[in-house]
Amino acid sequence: LISKDAGEVQEFMLFGHNLWSAPLTAVWTIGSLFWVLGWSALAGVLLTLVLVPVQSANARYSAKFRKETMKHSDQRLKTLSGALEGIRVIKLSAWEDEVARRLTSLREQELTGTRKSAYLGALNRGLMDASPVLIALATFALHSLSGQPLTADQAFTALALFNLLGHPFHIIPKSVSLLGDLAVTSGRIESLLGLPDKAPTPLREGPPGAGPVLELRGVTVGWSE
């Protein structure tokens, strides 16, 4: 909880501002594309409106799988800690196979969630890398099919803007994913902090008027060098 969840809160503090700055960058870049290419930039805008929700949906599903993985990880670590603390009882009772099966089952469930999250992350990464290229191809194709000439200054300016548009595509899904992780982390920390305080263990005292339990008289205490 301290290392994992606290690290996710710190990472969101570094990237969370992109939730508002990256959309503004995307809007400014798209406006500049309209100024350079005219209505042909509409193809890139429409493709943008399709890709962003897909990436956001992938990030939400990935956060869901990570939440399930954390539950299995907590159960596995709890079981492992209990097994290590009671290893002598386990050995004397010949429960090694049962404990191993339990840990293996929890580990498989944990790995299943990790694989699903990794697959969605790879898909999201592929979409992020391919989105500027797909948008540029769609925009240039529409511009050529409309019969308008595509000059060198328009093409290179548009390519620069498309490269600039790639940053919001890269950072928005990551920020949304971090926001989902923050929601999961906040719930875990809130659950921990909301636990009732454990009552202190009272000290056992002797009956009233009882004498000392141990009394030493004329004792010399030392140690050998």
C-alpha atoms as a PDB file:
ATOM      1  CA  LEU A   1       0.000   0.000   0.000  1.00  0.00           C
ATOM      2  CA  ILE A   2       2.781   2.421   0.885  1.00  0.00           C
ATOM      3  CA  SER A   3       5.017   1.776  -2.130  1.00  0.00           C
ATOM      4  CA  LYS A   4       2.434   0.972  -4.835  1.00  0.00           C
ATOM      5  CA  ASP A   5      -0.543   3.199  -4.045  1.00  0.00           C
ATOM      6  CA  ALA A   6       1.501   6.169  -2.851  1.00  0.00           C
ATOM      7  CA  GLY A   7       3.544   5.960  -6.068  1.00  0.00           C
ATOM      8  CA  GLU A   8       0.382   6.059  -8.171  1.00  0.00           C
ATOM      9  CA  VAL A   9      -0.812   9.192  -6.347  1.00  0.00           C
ATOM     10  CA  GLN A  10       2.557  10.827  -6.996  1.00  0.00           C
ATOM     11  CA  GLU A  11       2.459   9.863 -10.691  1.00  0.00           C
ATOM     12  CA  PHE A  12      -1.017  11.343 -11.097  1.00  0.00           C
ATOM     13  CA  MET A  13       0.219  14.610  -9.573  1.00  0.00           C
ATOM     14  CA  LEU A  14       2.853  14.747 -12.324  1.00  0.00           C
ATOM     15  CA  PHE A  15       0.558  13.954 -15.263  1.00  0.00           C
ATOM     16  CA  GLY A  16      -2.906  14.926 -14.030  1.00  0.00           C
ATOM     17  CA  HIS A  17      -2.740  18.472 -15.427  1.00  0.00           C
ATOM     18  CA  ASN A  18      -2.719  16.988 -18.925  1.00  0.00           C
ATOM     19  CA  LEU A  19      -6.416  16.220 -18.493  1.00  0.00           C
ATOM     20  CA  TRP A  20      -7.096  19.887 -19.305  1.00  0.00           C
ATOM     21  CA  SER A  21      -3.934  21.039 -21.123  1.00  0.00           C
ATOM     22  CA  ALA A  22      -3.810  18.215 -23.677  1.00  0.00           C
ATOM     23  CA  PRO A  23      -7.402  18.793 -24.934  1.00  0.00           C
ATOM     24  CA  LEU A  24      -6.620  22.505 -25.324  1.00  0.00           C
ATOM     25  CA  THR A  25      -3.528  21.634 -27.358  1.00  0.00           C
ATOM     26  CA  ALA A  26      -5.592  19.322 -29.539  1.00  0.00           C
ATOM     27  CA  VAL A  27      -8.247  22.000 -30.144  1.00  0.00           C
ATOM     28  CA  TRP A  28      -5.622  24.607 -31.076  1.00  0.00           C
ATOM     29  CA  THR A  29      -3.852  22.174 -33.413  1.00  0.00           C
ATOM     30  CA  ILE A  30      -7.076  21.164 -35.146  1.00  0.00           C
ATOM     31  CA  GLY A  31      -7.994  24.823 -35.591  1.00  0.00           C
ATOM     32  CA  SER A  32      -4.608  25.457 -37.212  1.00  0.00           C
ATOM     33  CA  LEU A  33      -5.168  22.479 -39.538  1.00  0.00           C
ATOM     34  CA  PHE A  34      -8.476  23.986 -40.666  1.00  0.00           C
ATOM     35  CA  TRP A  35      -6.675  27.261 -41.348  1.00  0.00           C
ATOM     36  CA  VAL A  36      -3.977  25.501 -43.424  1.00  0.00           C
ATOM     37  CA  LEU A  37      -5.995  22.833 -45.281  1.00  0.00           C
ATOM     38  CA  GLY A  38      -9.552  24.130 -45.050  1.00  0.00           C
ATOM     39  CA  TRP A  39     -12.437  21.698 -44.734  1.00  0.00           C
ATOM     40  CA  SER A  40     -10.186  18.803 -45.711  1.00  0.00           C
ATOM     41  CA  ALA A  41      -9.005  18.762 -42.096  1.00  0.00           C
ATOM     42  CA  LEU A  42     -12.500  17.562 -41.185  1.00  0.00           C
ATOM     43  CA  ALA A  43     -11.394  14.000 -41.985  1.00  0.00           C
ATOM     44  CA  GLY A  44      -8.683  14.210 -39.351  1.00  0.00           C
ATOM     45  CA  VAL A  45     -11.075  15.747 -36.827  1.00  0.00           C
ATOM     46  CA  LEU A  46     -13.658  12.996 -37.345  1.00  0.00           C
ATOM     47  CA  LEU A  47     -11.000  10.324 -37.044  1.00  0.00           C
ATOM     48  CA  THR A  48      -9.816  12.033 -33.855  1.00  0.00           C
ATOM     49  CA  LEU A  49     -13.338  11.893 -32.425  1.00  0.00           C
ATOM     50  CA  VAL A  50     -13.372   8.159 -33.142  1.00  0.00           C
ATOM     51  CA  LEU A  51      -9.933   7.306 -31.764  1.00  0.00           C
ATOM     52  CA  VAL A  52     -10.104   9.249 -28.498  1.00  0.00           C
ATOM     53  CA  PRO A  53     -13.198   7.423 -27.112  1.00  0.00           C
ATOM     54  CA  VAL A  54     -11.695   4.088 -28.152  1.00  0.00           C
ATOM     55  CA  GLN A  55      -8.503   4.872 -26.258  1.00  0.00           C
ATOM     56  CA  SER A  56     -10.449   6.101 -23.232  1.00  0.00           C
ATOM     57  CA  ALA A  57     -12.566   2.912 -23.214  1.00  0.00           C
ATOM     58  CA  ASN A  58      -9.406   0.790 -23.357  1.00  0.00           C
ATOM     59  CA  ALA A  59      -7.974   2.758 -20.432  1.00  0.00           C
ATOM     60  CA  ARG A  60     -11.133   2.216 -18.371  1.00  0.00           C
ATOM     61  CA  TYR A  61     -11.151  -1.525 -19.022  1.00  0.00           C
ATOM     62  CA  SER A  62      -7.448  -1.671 -18.216  1.00  0.00           C
ATOM     63  CA  ALA A  63      -8.091   0.089 -14.885  1.00  0.00           C
ATOM     64  CA  LYS A  64     -10.868  -2.424 -14.150  1.00  0.00           C
ATOM     65  CA  PHE A  65      -8.520  -5.355 -14.722  1.00  0.00           C
ATOM     66  CA  ARG A  66      -5.823  -3.712 -12.606  1.00  0.00           C
ATOM     67  CA  LYS A  67      -8.320  -3.329  -9.769  1.00  0.00           C
ATOM     68  CA  GLU A  68      -9.144  -7.035  -9.922  1.00  0.00           C
ATOM     69  CA  THR A  69      -5.442  -7.854 -10.088  1.00  0.00           C
ATOM     70  CA  MET A  70      -4.776  -5.825  -6.940  1.00  0.00           C
ATOM     71  CA  LYS A  71      -7.408  -7.825  -5.058  1.00  0.00           C
ATOM     72  CA  HIS A  72      -5.800 -11.110  -6.069  1.00  0.00           C
ATOM     73  CA  SER A  73      -2.358  -9.715  -5.222  1.00  0.00           C
ATOM     74  CA  ASP A  74      -3.520  -8.723  -1.744  1.00  0.00           C
ATOM     75  CA  GLN A  75      -5.018 -12.177  -1.168  1.00  0.00           C
ATOM     76  CA  ARG A  76      -1.854 -13.895  -2.400  1.00  0.00           C
ATOM     77  CA  LEU A  77       0.422 -11.775  -0.217  1.00  0.00           C
ATOM     78  CA  LYS A  78      -1.847 -12.314   2.789  1.00  0.00           C
ATOM     79  CA  THR A  79      -1.828 -16.081   2.231  1.00  0.00           C
ATOM     80  CA  LEU A  80       1.938 -16.105   1.697  1.00  0.00           C
ATOM     81  CA  SER A  81       2.561 -14.062   4.851  1.00  0.00           C
ATOM     82  CA  GLY A  82       0.360 -16.416   6.868  1.00  0.00           C
ATOM     83  CA  ALA A  83       2.176 -19.422   5.424  1.00  0.00           C
ATOM     84  CA  LEU A  84       5.584 -18.005   6.320  1.00  0.00           C
ATOM     85  CA  GLU A  85       4.478 -17.161   9.846  1.00  0.00           C
ATOM     86  CA  GLY A  86       3.014 -20.620  10.374  1.00  0.00           C
ATOM     87  CA  ILE A  87       5.543 -22.594   8.356  1.00  0.00           C
ATOM     88  CA  ARG A  88       6.329 -24.889  11.298  1.00  0.00           C
ATOM     89  CA  VAL A  89       2.669 -25.863  11.687  1.00  0.00           C
ATOM     90  CA  ILE A  90       2.358 -26.368   7.936  1.00  0.00           C
ATOM     91  CA  LYS A  91       5.369 -28.670   7.853  1.00  0.00           C
ATOM     92  CA  LEU A  92       4.260 -30.678  10.880  1.00  0.00           C
ATOM     93  CA  SER A  93       0.730 -31.043   9.459  1.00  0.00           C
ATOM     94  CA  ALA A  94       1.949 -31.858   5.920  1.00  0.00           C
ATOM     95  CA  TRP A  95      -0.087 -29.009   4.390  1.00  0.00           C
ATOM     96  CA  GLU A  96       2.596 -27.979   1.893  1.00  0.00           C
ATOM     97  CA  ASP A  97       0.693 -29.203  -1.173  1.00  0.00           C
ATOM     98  CA  GLU A  98      -2.548 -27.523  -0.106  1.00  0.00           C
ATOM     99  CA  VAL A  99      -0.839 -24.194   0.566  1.00  0.00           C
ATOM    100  CA  ALA A 100       1.051 -24.460  -2.741  1.00  0.00           C
ATOM    101  CA  ARG A 101      -2.194 -25.117  -4.627  1.00  0.00           C
ATOM    102  CA  ARG A 102      -3.820 -22.135  -2.944  1.00  0.00           C
ATOM    103  CA  LEU A 103      -0.930 -19.818  -3.808  1.00  0.00           C
ATOM    104  CA  THR A 104      -0.763 -21.137  -7.378  1.00  0.00           C
ATOM    105  CA  SER A 105      -4.498 -20.527  -7.871  1.00  0.00           C
ATOM    106  CA  LEU A 106      -4.247 -16.964  -6.593  1.00  0.00           C
ATOM    107  CA  ARG A 107      -1.165 -16.343  -8.734  1.00  0.00           C
ATOM    108  CA  GLU A 108      -2.955 -17.602 -11.853  1.00  0.00           C
ATOM    109  CA  GLN A 109      -5.883 -15.285 -11.190  1.00  0.00           C
ATOM    110  CA  GLU A 110      -3.451 -12.422 -10.701  1.00  0.00           C
ATOM    111  CA  LEU A 111      -1.619 -13.218 -13.939  1.00  0.00           C
ATOM    112  CA  THR A 112      -4.903 -13.443 -15.863  1.00  0.00           C
ATOM    113  CA  GLY A 113      -5.785  -9.883 -14.906  1.00  0.00           C
ATOM    114  CA  THR A 114      -2.250  -8.727 -15.637  1.00  0.00           C
ATOM    115  CA  ARG A 115      -2.335 -10.284 -19.127  1.00  0.00           C
ATOM    116  CA  LYS A 116      -5.684  -8.667 -19.962  1.00  0.00           C
ATOM    117  CA  SER A 117      -4.408  -5.295 -18.787  1.00  0.00           C
ATOM    118  CA  ALA A 118      -1.185  -5.738 -20.799  1.00  0.00           C
ATOM    119  CA  TYR A 119      -3.100  -6.661 -23.975  1.00  0.00           C
ATOM    120  CA  LEU A 120      -5.288  -3.574 -23.674  1.00  0.00           C
ATOM    121  CA  GLY A 121      -2.218  -1.467 -22.955  1.00  0.00           C
ATOM    122  CA  ALA A 122      -0.503  -2.768 -26.094  1.00  0.00           C
ATOM    123  CA  LEU A 123      -3.631  -2.051 -28.162  1.00  0.00           C
ATOM    124  CA  ASN A 124      -3.849   1.432 -26.715  1.00  0.00           C
ATOM    125  CA  ARG A 125      -0.168   2.035 -27.422  1.00  0.00           C
ATOM    126  CA  GLY A 126      -0.605   0.915 -31.030  1.00  0.00           C
ATOM    127  CA  LEU A 127      -3.530   3.276 -31.488  1.00  0.00           C
ATOM    128  CA  MET A 128      -1.549   6.144 -29.974  1.00  0.00           C
ATOM    129  CA  ASP A 129       1.402   5.564 -32.306  1.00  0.00           C
ATOM    130  CA  ALA A 130      -0.732   5.053 -35.405  1.00  0.00           C
ATOM    131  CA  SER A 131      -3.253   7.841 -34.846  1.00  0.00           C
ATOM    132  CA  PRO A 132      -1.157  10.770 -36.244  1.00  0.00           C
ATOM    133  CA  VAL A 133      -0.314   8.741 -39.385  1.00  0.00           C
ATOM    134  CA  LEU A 134      -3.910   7.656 -39.931  1.00  0.00           C
ATOM    135  CA  ILE A 135      -5.167  11.203 -39.452  1.00  0.00           C
ATOM    136  CA  ALA A 136      -2.603  12.598 -41.898  1.00  0.00           C
ATOM    137  CA  LEU A 137      -3.430   9.997 -44.552  1.00  0.00           C
ATOM    138  CA  ALA A 138      -7.169  10.586 -44.216  1.00  0.00           C
ATOM    139  CA  THR A 139      -6.768  14.351 -44.390  1.00  0.00           C
ATOM    140  CA  PHE A 140      -4.412  14.369 -47.409  1.00  0.00           C
ATOM    141  CA  ALA A 141      -6.604  11.837 -49.231  1.00  0.00           C
ATOM    142  CA  LEU A 142      -9.712  13.979 -48.756  1.00  0.00           C
ATOM    143  CA  HIS A 143      -7.782  17.093 -49.747  1.00  0.00           C
ATOM    144  CA  SER A 144      -6.610  15.461 -53.002  1.00  0.00           C
ATOM    145  CA  LEU A 145     -10.007  13.929 -53.820  1.00  0.00           C
ATOM    146  CA  SER A 146     -11.683  17.311 -53.441  1.00  0.00           C
ATOM    147  CA  GLY A 147      -9.557  18.624 -56.316  1.00  0.00           C
ATOM    148  CA  GLN A 148      -7.586  21.124 -54.269  1.00  0.00           C
ATOM    149  CA  PRO A 149      -3.839  21.391 -54.872  1.00  0.00           C
ATOM    150  CA  LEU A 150      -1.593  20.232 -52.047  1.00  0.00           C
ATOM    151  CA  THR A 151       1.437  22.504 -51.986  1.00  0.00           C
ATOM    152  CA  ALA A 152       4.694  21.795 -50.203  1.00  0.00           C
ATOM    153  CA  ASP A 153       4.176  24.497 -47.580  1.00  0.00           C
ATOM    154  CA  GLN A 154       0.717  23.114 -46.797  1.00  0.00           C
ATOM    155  CA  ALA A 155       1.953  19.536 -46.593  1.00  0.00           C
ATOM    156  CA  PHE A 156       4.948  20.252 -44.336  1.00  0.00           C
ATOM    157  CA  THR A 157       2.958  22.603 -42.100  1.00  0.00           C
ATOM    158  CA  ALA A 158       0.189  20.036 -41.805  1.00  0.00           C
ATOM    159  CA  LEU A 159       2.708  17.282 -40.997  1.00  0.00           C
ATOM    160  CA  ALA A 160       4.211  19.462 -38.255  1.00  0.00           C
ATOM    161  CA  LEU A 161       0.749  20.048 -36.846  1.00  0.00           C
ATOM    162  CA  PHE A 162      -0.051  16.341 -37.034  1.00  0.00           C
ATOM    163  CA  ASN A 163       3.146  15.590 -35.111  1.00  0.00           C
ATOM    164  CA  LEU A 164       2.086  18.173 -32.546  1.00  0.00           C
ATOM    165  CA  LEU A 165      -1.316  16.523 -32.415  1.00  0.00           C
ATOM    166  CA  GLY A 166       0.394  13.275 -31.472  1.00  0.00           C
ATOM    167  CA  HIS A 167       1.258  14.557 -27.980  1.00  0.00           C
ATOM    168  CA  PRO A 168      -2.365  14.842 -26.804  1.00  0.00           C
ATOM    169  CA  PHE A 169      -3.044  11.386 -28.223  1.00  0.00           C
ATOM    170  CA  HIS A 170      -0.134  10.004 -26.238  1.00  0.00           C
ATOM    171  CA  ILE A 171      -0.850  11.781 -22.969  1.00  0.00           C
ATOM    172  CA  ILE A 172      -4.654  11.830 -22.739  1.00  0.00           C
ATOM    173  CA  PRO A 173      -5.074   8.018 -22.469  1.00  0.00           C
ATOM    174  CA  LYS A 174      -2.235   7.868 -19.950  1.00  0.00           C
ATOM    175  CA  SER A 175      -3.809  10.636 -17.880  1.00  0.00           C
ATOM    176  CA  VAL A 176      -7.222   8.970 -18.031  1.00  0.00           C
ATOM    177  CA  SER A 177      -5.629   5.678 -17.027  1.00  0.00           C
ATOM    178  CA  LEU A 178      -3.872   7.377 -14.110  1.00  0.00           C
ATOM    179  CA  LEU A 179      -7.181   8.933 -13.104  1.00  0.00           C
ATOM    180  CA  GLY A 180      -8.722   5.466 -12.996  1.00  0.00           C
ATOM    181  CA  ASP A 181      -5.783   4.178 -10.958  1.00  0.00           C
ATOM    182  CA  LEU A 182      -6.164   7.141  -8.609  1.00  0.00           C
ATOM    183  CA  ALA A 183      -9.822   6.266  -8.034  1.00  0.00           C
ATOM    184  CA  VAL A 184      -8.853   2.684  -7.151  1.00  0.00           C
ATOM    185  CA  THR A 185      -5.971   3.862  -4.963  1.00  0.00           C
ATOM    186  CA  SER A 186      -8.108   6.441  -3.181  1.00  0.00           C
ATOM    187  CA  GLY A 187     -10.668   3.760  -2.356  1.00  0.00           C
ATOM    188  CA  ARG A 188      -7.977   1.479  -0.924  1.00  0.00           C
ATOM    189  CA  ILE A 189      -6.410   4.260   1.151  1.00  0.00           C
ATOM    190  CA  GLU A 190      -9.832   5.465   2.331  1.00  0.00           C
ATOM    191  CA  SER A 191     -10.745   1.915   3.373  1.00  0.00           C
ATOM    192  CA  LEU A 192      -7.500   1.655   5.339  1.00  0.00           C
ATOM    193  CA  LEU A 193      -7.880   5.029   7.034  1.00  0.00           C
ATOM    194  CA  GLY A 194     -11.545   4.316   7.768  1.00  0.00           C
ATOM    195  CA  LEU A 195     -10.802   1.195   9.792  1.00  0.00           C
ATOM    196  CA  PRO A 196     -11.695   1.535  13.480  1.00  0.00           C
ATOM    197  CA  ASP A 197      -8.822   2.137  15.838  1.00  0.00           C
ATOM    198  CA  LYS A 198      -7.590  -0.950  17.587  1.00  0.00           C
ATOM    199  CA  ALA A 199      -8.120  -0.797  21.318  1.00  0.00           C
ATOM    200  CA  PRO A 200      -4.845  -0.957  23.259  1.00  0.00           C
ATOM    201  CA  THR A 201      -4.168  -4.179  25.086  1.00  0.00           C
ATOM    202  CA  PRO A 202      -4.757  -3.529  28.793  1.00  0.00           C
ATOM    203  CA  LEU A 203      -1.955  -4.384  31.190  1.00  0.00           C
ATOM    204  CA  ARG A 204      -2.782  -7.118  33.622  1.00  0.00           C
ATOM    205  CA  GLU A 205      -2.359  -5.992  37.184  1.00  0.00           C
ATOM    206  CA  GLY A 206      -2.235  -8.065  40.317  1.00  0.00           C
ATOM    207  CA  PRO A 207      -4.887  -7.949  42.991  1.00  0.00           C
ATOM    208  CA  PRO A 208      -4.945  -4.871  45.213  1.00  0.00           C
ATOM    209  CA  GLY A 209      -2.422  -5.021  48.005  1.00  0.00           C
ATOM    210  CA  ALA A 210      -0.377  -7.795  46.398  1.00  0.00           C
ATOM    211  CA  GLY A 211       3.351  -7.708  46.967  1.00  0.00           C
ATOM    212  CA  PRO A 212       6.077  -7.743  44.291  1.00  0.00           C
ATOM    213  CA  VAL A 213       6.192 -10.729  42.006  1.00  0.00           C
ATOM    214  CA  LEU A 214       9.999 -10.888  41.996  1.00  0.00           C
ATOM    215  CA  GLU A 215      12.285  -9.364  44.575  1.00  0.00           C
ATOM    216  CA  LEU A 216      16.114  -9.356  44.358  1.00  0.00           C
ATOM    217  CA  ARG A 217      18.393  -8.561  47.277  1.00  0.00           C
ATOM    218  CA  GLY A 218      22.172  -8.390  47.399  1.00  0.00           C
ATOM    219  CA  VAL A 219      22.579  -9.273  43.743  1.00  0.00           C
ATOM    220  CA  THR A 220      25.709  -8.475  41.756  1.00  0.00           C
ATOM    221  CA  VAL A 221      25.083  -8.342  38.025  1.00  0.00           C
ATOM    222  CA  GLY A 222      27.814  -8.340  35.359  1.00  0.00           C
ATOM    223  CA  TRP A 223      29.064  -9.949  32.212  1.00  0.00           C
ATOM    224  CA  SER A 224      32.255 -11.542  31.027  1.00  0.00           C
ATOM    225  CA  GLU A 225      34.466  -9.661  28.630  1.00  0.00           C
END
